[in-house]
Amino acid sequence: MKFLIVLSAVVVSCLAQRSPYAGRLPIGFPYVPPSTEAPSALSDRFGEGGTTTTMRLPIEAYGDAELVKRLSALPIDQQPFWLLNWKALEENRNRPQNFPQRGNSFVDSNANAVFV
């Protein structure tokens, strides 16, 4: 009887190490594949058809695209810091640095068994 109690306590403490809500995938930033679906009615809910584009501007330009164009024409050492910083942030947004997922040694990803 004592052996059964000790064994059940060990089993319960081992199963309680990872929450069932955390899933069985490795921990990390998940890769989301790009969507190749046609635009849905939800993406075109304002009836624009996706044909109009607006120029992204830094907040400091106050919506003045001409100012950004004039300042971008200056040499880099004469451009204001807010414009250089905005360009670097936009480049990082367009090409984010992703890291591959590491495997989780505590979870066997090949096992699809569910413990009840």
N, C-alpha and C. Protein backbone atom coordinates (compact mmCIF):
# COMPACT_ATOMS: atom_id res chain seq x y z
N MET A 1 0.82 -1.19 0.00
CA MET A 1 0.00 0.00 0.00
C MET A 1 0.87 1.26 0.00
N LYS A 2 1.96 1.22 0.82
CA LYS A 2 2.86 2.37 0.87
C LYS A 2 3.53 2.58 -0.49
N PHE A 3 3.88 1.46 -1.14
CA PHE A 3 4.53 1.55 -2.45
C PHE A 3 3.61 2.21 -3.47
N LEU A 4 2.35 1.87 -3.43
CA LEU A 4 1.38 2.45 -4.35
C LEU A 4 1.20 3.95 -4.11
N ILE A 5 1.20 4.37 -2.87
CA ILE A 5 1.07 5.80 -2.54
C ILE A 5 2.30 6.56 -3.00
N VAL A 6 3.48 6.02 -2.77
CA VAL A 6 4.73 6.67 -3.19
C VAL A 6 4.80 6.73 -4.72
N LEU A 7 4.44 5.65 -5.38
CA LEU A 7 4.46 5.61 -6.83
C LEU A 7 3.48 6.61 -7.43
N SER A 8 2.29 6.70 -6.88
CA SER A 8 1.31 7.66 -7.40
C SER A 8 1.76 9.10 -7.14
N ALA A 9 2.42 9.36 -6.02
CA ALA A 9 2.94 10.71 -5.74
C ALA A 9 4.03 11.09 -6.72
N VAL A 10 4.90 10.14 -7.08
CA VAL A 10 5.96 10.41 -8.04
C VAL A 10 5.38 10.65 -9.42
N VAL A 11 4.41 9.85 -9.81
CA VAL A 11 3.79 10.00 -11.13
C VAL A 11 3.07 11.34 -11.23
N VAL A 12 2.33 11.71 -10.21
CA VAL A 12 1.59 12.98 -10.23
C VAL A 12 2.56 14.16 -10.27
N SER A 13 3.65 14.10 -9.52
CA SER A 13 4.61 15.21 -9.53
C SER A 13 5.34 15.30 -10.86
N CYS A 14 5.57 14.18 -11.53
CA CYS A 14 6.22 14.22 -12.85
C CYS A 14 5.28 14.77 -13.91
N LEU A 15 4.01 14.43 -13.87
CA LEU A 15 3.06 14.92 -14.86
C LEU A 15 2.71 16.39 -14.63
N ALA A 16 2.90 16.89 -13.43
CA ALA A 16 2.55 18.27 -13.12
C ALA A 16 3.64 19.26 -13.54
N GLN A 17 4.73 18.80 -14.12
CA GLN A 17 5.82 19.70 -14.49
C GLN A 17 5.44 20.63 -15.63
N ARG A 18 4.63 20.20 -16.57
CA ARG A 18 4.22 21.04 -17.69
C ARG A 18 2.70 21.02 -17.78
N SER A 19 2.15 22.21 -17.85
CA SER A 19 0.71 22.34 -17.89
C SER A 19 0.15 21.78 -19.20
N PRO A 20 -0.99 21.12 -19.17
CA PRO A 20 -1.58 20.64 -20.42
C PRO A 20 -2.00 21.78 -21.33
N TYR A 21 -2.18 22.99 -20.77
CA TYR A 21 -2.56 24.13 -21.58
C TYR A 21 -1.38 24.70 -22.37
N ALA A 22 -0.15 24.35 -21.98
CA ALA A 22 1.03 24.86 -22.67
C ALA A 22 1.26 24.16 -24.00
N GLY A 23 0.63 23.05 -24.21
CA GLY A 23 0.77 22.33 -25.47
C GLY A 23 2.00 21.45 -25.50
N ARG A 24 2.22 20.78 -26.61
CA ARG A 24 3.33 19.85 -26.73
C ARG A 24 4.41 20.37 -27.67
N LEU A 25 4.25 21.60 -28.19
CA LEU A 25 5.24 22.16 -29.10
C LEU A 25 6.37 22.80 -28.31
N PRO A 26 7.53 22.99 -28.93
CA PRO A 26 8.64 23.63 -28.23
C PRO A 26 8.30 25.06 -27.84
N ILE A 27 8.92 25.52 -26.79
CA ILE A 27 8.68 26.87 -26.31
C ILE A 27 9.53 27.82 -27.15
N GLY A 28 8.96 28.91 -27.60
CA GLY A 28 9.69 29.89 -28.38
C GLY A 28 8.76 30.68 -29.28
N PHE A 29 9.33 31.48 -30.15
CA PHE A 29 8.56 32.31 -31.06
C PHE A 29 8.11 31.45 -32.23
N PRO A 30 6.81 31.26 -32.42
CA PRO A 30 6.35 30.37 -33.48
C PRO A 30 6.50 31.00 -34.86
N TYR A 31 6.77 30.19 -35.85
CA TYR A 31 6.85 30.65 -37.23
C TYR A 31 5.45 30.62 -37.82
N VAL A 32 5.00 31.74 -38.35
CA VAL A 32 3.70 31.82 -38.98
C VAL A 32 3.93 31.92 -40.48
N PRO A 33 3.51 30.92 -41.25
CA PRO A 33 3.75 30.98 -42.70
C PRO A 33 2.92 32.09 -43.33
N PRO A 34 3.44 32.71 -44.39
CA PRO A 34 2.67 33.78 -45.03
C PRO A 34 1.40 33.25 -45.66
N SER A 35 0.38 34.05 -45.63
CA SER A 35 -0.91 33.65 -46.17
C SER A 35 -0.93 33.85 -47.68
N THR A 36 -1.39 32.84 -48.41
CA THR A 36 -1.48 32.93 -49.86
C THR A 36 -2.94 32.95 -50.31
N GLU A 37 -3.84 33.20 -49.37
CA GLU A 37 -5.25 33.19 -49.71
C GLU A 37 -5.63 34.48 -50.43
N ALA A 38 -6.71 34.40 -51.18
CA ALA A 38 -7.25 35.59 -51.84
C ALA A 38 -7.83 36.52 -50.77
N PRO A 39 -7.84 37.83 -51.03
CA PRO A 39 -8.40 38.74 -50.04
C PRO A 39 -9.86 38.43 -49.76
N SER A 40 -10.19 38.41 -48.51
CA SER A 40 -11.57 38.08 -48.13
C SER A 40 -12.39 39.36 -48.03
N ALA A 41 -13.65 39.18 -47.79
CA ALA A 41 -14.54 40.33 -47.65
C ALA A 41 -14.17 41.13 -46.41
N LEU A 42 -13.60 40.47 -45.41
CA LEU A 42 -13.23 41.17 -44.19
C LEU A 42 -12.05 42.11 -44.43
N SER A 43 -11.10 41.70 -45.28
CA SER A 43 -9.95 42.56 -45.53
C SER A 43 -10.33 43.73 -46.42
N ASP A 44 -11.43 43.63 -47.16
CA ASP A 44 -11.87 44.70 -48.05
C ASP A 44 -13.18 45.30 -47.53
N ARG A 45 -13.28 45.48 -46.23
CA ARG A 45 -14.54 45.91 -45.64
C ARG A 45 -14.86 47.37 -45.88
N PHE A 46 -13.88 48.17 -46.33
CA PHE A 46 -14.15 49.57 -46.61
C PHE A 46 -14.33 49.82 -48.11
N GLY A 47 -14.27 48.78 -48.93
CA GLY A 47 -14.51 48.89 -50.34
C GLY A 47 -13.39 49.53 -51.13
N GLU A 48 -12.19 49.54 -50.58
CA GLU A 48 -11.08 50.18 -51.26
C GLU A 48 -10.42 49.26 -52.28
N GLY A 49 -10.60 47.99 -52.15
CA GLY A 49 -10.03 47.05 -53.10
C GLY A 49 -8.54 46.84 -52.94
N GLY A 50 -7.93 47.48 -51.97
CA GLY A 50 -6.50 47.30 -51.73
C GLY A 50 -5.63 47.97 -52.77
N THR A 51 -6.16 48.90 -53.56
CA THR A 51 -5.38 49.53 -54.61
C THR A 51 -4.71 50.81 -54.13
N THR A 52 -5.21 51.43 -53.09
CA THR A 52 -4.61 52.67 -52.61
C THR A 52 -3.57 52.35 -51.56
N THR A 53 -2.45 53.03 -51.65
CA THR A 53 -1.41 52.87 -50.64
C THR A 53 -1.05 54.25 -50.12
N THR A 54 -0.68 54.29 -48.87
CA THR A 54 -0.25 55.55 -48.28
C THR A 54 1.22 55.43 -47.93
N MET A 55 1.91 56.55 -48.02
CA MET A 55 3.33 56.57 -47.69
C MET A 55 3.49 56.57 -46.18
N ARG A 56 4.32 55.70 -45.68
CA ARG A 56 4.57 55.66 -44.25
C ARG A 56 5.50 56.81 -43.90
N LEU A 57 5.11 57.57 -42.91
CA LEU A 57 5.88 58.74 -42.49
C LEU A 57 6.17 58.67 -41.00
N PRO A 58 7.30 59.23 -40.58
CA PRO A 58 7.56 59.28 -39.13
C PRO A 58 6.60 60.26 -38.45
N ILE A 59 6.40 60.07 -37.17
CA ILE A 59 5.49 60.92 -36.41
C ILE A 59 5.99 62.36 -36.39
N GLU A 60 7.30 62.52 -36.33
CA GLU A 60 7.89 63.85 -36.23
C GLU A 60 7.67 64.69 -37.49
N ALA A 61 7.33 64.08 -38.62
CA ALA A 61 7.11 64.82 -39.87
C ALA A 61 5.72 65.45 -39.90
N TYR A 62 4.83 65.08 -39.00
CA TYR A 62 3.47 65.61 -38.92
C TYR A 62 2.73 65.47 -40.25
N GLY A 63 2.93 64.35 -40.95
CA GLY A 63 2.21 64.08 -42.18
C GLY A 63 2.75 64.81 -43.40
N ASP A 64 3.89 65.45 -43.30
CA ASP A 64 4.46 66.21 -44.41
C ASP A 64 5.42 65.32 -45.20
N ALA A 65 4.93 64.73 -46.29
CA ALA A 65 5.76 63.84 -47.10
C ALA A 65 6.85 64.61 -47.83
N GLU A 66 6.56 65.83 -48.16
CA GLU A 66 7.56 66.65 -48.87
C GLU A 66 8.78 66.93 -47.97
N LEU A 67 8.54 67.14 -46.68
CA LEU A 67 9.64 67.35 -45.74
C LEU A 67 10.53 66.12 -45.66
N VAL A 68 9.91 64.94 -45.60
CA VAL A 68 10.68 63.70 -45.53
C VAL A 68 11.50 63.52 -46.81
N LYS A 69 10.93 63.84 -47.96
CA LYS A 69 11.67 63.71 -49.22
C LYS A 69 12.85 64.68 -49.27
N ARG A 70 12.63 65.92 -48.82
CA ARG A 70 13.73 66.90 -48.83
C ARG A 70 14.84 66.51 -47.87
N LEU A 71 14.47 66.04 -46.67
CA LEU A 71 15.48 65.65 -45.69
C LEU A 71 16.21 64.38 -46.11
N SER A 72 15.52 63.48 -46.81
CA SER A 72 16.16 62.25 -47.28
C SER A 72 17.17 62.54 -48.38
N ALA A 73 17.01 63.65 -49.09
CA ALA A 73 17.94 64.01 -50.16
C ALA A 73 19.25 64.56 -49.61
N LEU A 74 19.27 64.98 -48.34
CA LEU A 74 20.49 65.49 -47.72
C LEU A 74 21.48 64.36 -47.49
N PRO A 75 22.77 64.67 -47.35
CA PRO A 75 23.74 63.64 -46.96
C PRO A 75 23.39 63.08 -45.57
N ILE A 76 23.82 61.88 -45.30
CA ILE A 76 23.44 61.19 -44.06
C ILE A 76 23.90 61.97 -42.83
N ASP A 77 25.07 62.60 -42.89
CA ASP A 77 25.56 63.32 -41.72
C ASP A 77 24.78 64.61 -41.45
N GLN A 78 23.94 65.04 -42.38
CA GLN A 78 23.15 66.25 -42.18
C GLN A 78 21.67 65.95 -41.96
N GLN A 79 21.29 64.69 -42.03
CA GLN A 79 19.89 64.33 -41.78
C GLN A 79 19.62 64.33 -40.28
N PRO A 80 18.41 64.71 -39.87
CA PRO A 80 18.10 64.70 -38.44
C PRO A 80 18.06 63.27 -37.91
N PHE A 81 18.34 63.17 -36.61
CA PHE A 81 18.41 61.85 -35.99
C PHE A 81 17.07 61.13 -36.04
N TRP A 82 15.98 61.85 -35.87
CA TRP A 82 14.67 61.19 -35.87
C TRP A 82 14.37 60.52 -37.20
N LEU A 83 14.88 61.10 -38.29
CA LEU A 83 14.66 60.49 -39.60
C LEU A 83 15.52 59.25 -39.78
N LEU A 84 16.78 59.32 -39.35
CA LEU A 84 17.66 58.16 -39.44
C LEU A 84 17.14 57.02 -38.56
N ASN A 85 16.69 57.36 -37.38
CA ASN A 85 16.16 56.36 -36.46
C ASN A 85 14.90 55.72 -37.05
N TRP A 86 14.03 56.53 -37.64
CA TRP A 86 12.80 56.01 -38.24
C TRP A 86 13.12 55.06 -39.39
N LYS A 87 14.11 55.43 -40.23
CA LYS A 87 14.50 54.56 -41.34
C LYS A 87 15.02 53.22 -40.85
N ALA A 88 15.83 53.24 -39.79
CA ALA A 88 16.36 51.99 -39.24
C ALA A 88 15.24 51.13 -38.65
N LEU A 89 14.27 51.76 -37.98
CA LEU A 89 13.15 51.00 -37.41
C LEU A 89 12.27 50.41 -38.50
N GLU A 90 12.03 51.17 -39.58
CA GLU A 90 11.24 50.66 -40.69
C GLU A 90 11.93 49.48 -41.36
N GLU A 91 13.24 49.56 -41.51
CA GLU A 91 13.98 48.44 -42.11
C GLU A 91 13.87 47.20 -41.23
N ASN A 92 13.91 47.39 -39.91
CA ASN A 92 13.78 46.27 -38.99
C ASN A 92 12.35 45.70 -39.03
N ARG A 93 11.35 46.55 -39.21
CA ARG A 93 9.96 46.06 -39.31
C ARG A 93 9.74 45.28 -40.59
N ASN A 94 10.39 45.71 -41.66
CA ASN A 94 10.21 45.02 -42.94
C ASN A 94 10.98 43.70 -42.99
N ARG A 95 12.11 43.62 -42.31
CA ARG A 95 12.91 42.39 -42.28
C ARG A 95 13.23 42.04 -40.83
N PRO A 96 12.27 41.49 -40.07
CA PRO A 96 12.54 41.19 -38.67
C PRO A 96 13.53 40.04 -38.54
N GLN A 97 14.26 40.05 -37.46
CA GLN A 97 15.24 39.00 -37.20
C GLN A 97 14.54 37.88 -36.45
N ASN A 98 14.45 36.72 -37.07
CA ASN A 98 13.81 35.56 -36.46
C ASN A 98 14.86 34.53 -36.11
N PHE A 99 14.61 33.80 -35.07
CA PHE A 99 15.51 32.76 -34.63
C PHE A 99 14.79 31.42 -34.74
N PRO A 100 15.51 30.36 -35.12
CA PRO A 100 14.85 29.05 -35.22
C PRO A 100 14.45 28.55 -33.83
N GLN A 101 13.40 27.76 -33.83
CA GLN A 101 12.93 27.21 -32.57
C GLN A 101 13.87 26.12 -32.10
N ARG A 102 14.05 26.08 -30.80
CA ARG A 102 14.82 25.00 -30.21
C ARG A 102 13.86 23.90 -29.80
N GLY A 103 14.34 22.69 -29.86
CA GLY A 103 13.52 21.58 -29.41
C GLY A 103 13.39 21.57 -27.90
N ASN A 104 12.31 21.02 -27.42
CA ASN A 104 12.08 20.92 -25.99
C ASN A 104 12.44 19.51 -25.58
N SER A 105 13.47 19.39 -24.75
CA SER A 105 13.93 18.06 -24.35
C SER A 105 12.96 17.38 -23.38
N PHE A 106 12.03 18.13 -22.82
CA PHE A 106 11.09 17.55 -21.86
C PHE A 106 9.85 16.97 -22.52
N VAL A 107 9.63 17.30 -23.78
CA VAL A 107 8.43 16.84 -24.47
C VAL A 107 8.87 16.08 -25.72
N ASP A 108 8.35 14.88 -25.85
CA ASP A 108 8.63 14.09 -27.06
C ASP A 108 7.63 14.54 -28.12
N SER A 109 8.12 15.23 -29.16
CA SER A 109 7.20 15.79 -30.15
C SER A 109 6.60 14.71 -31.04
N ASN A 110 7.16 13.50 -31.07
CA ASN A 110 6.62 12.45 -31.89
C ASN A 110 5.45 11.72 -31.22
N ALA A 111 5.35 11.86 -29.91
CA ALA A 111 4.29 11.16 -29.19
C ALA A 111 3.01 11.97 -29.24
N ASN A 112 1.95 11.37 -29.68
CA ASN A 112 0.66 12.04 -29.77
C ASN A 112 -0.30 11.51 -28.72
N ALA A 113 0.21 10.79 -27.75
CA ALA A 113 -0.64 10.21 -26.72
C ALA A 113 -1.13 11.29 -25.77
N VAL A 114 -2.34 11.19 -25.34
CA VAL A 114 -2.93 12.13 -24.41
C VAL A 114 -3.17 11.38 -23.10
N PHE A 115 -2.66 11.95 -22.01
CA PHE A 115 -2.83 11.32 -20.71
C PHE A 115 -4.12 11.84 -20.08
N VAL A 116 -4.91 10.93 -19.59
CA VAL A 116 -6.17 11.32 -18.96
C VAL A 116 -6.09 11.09 -17.49
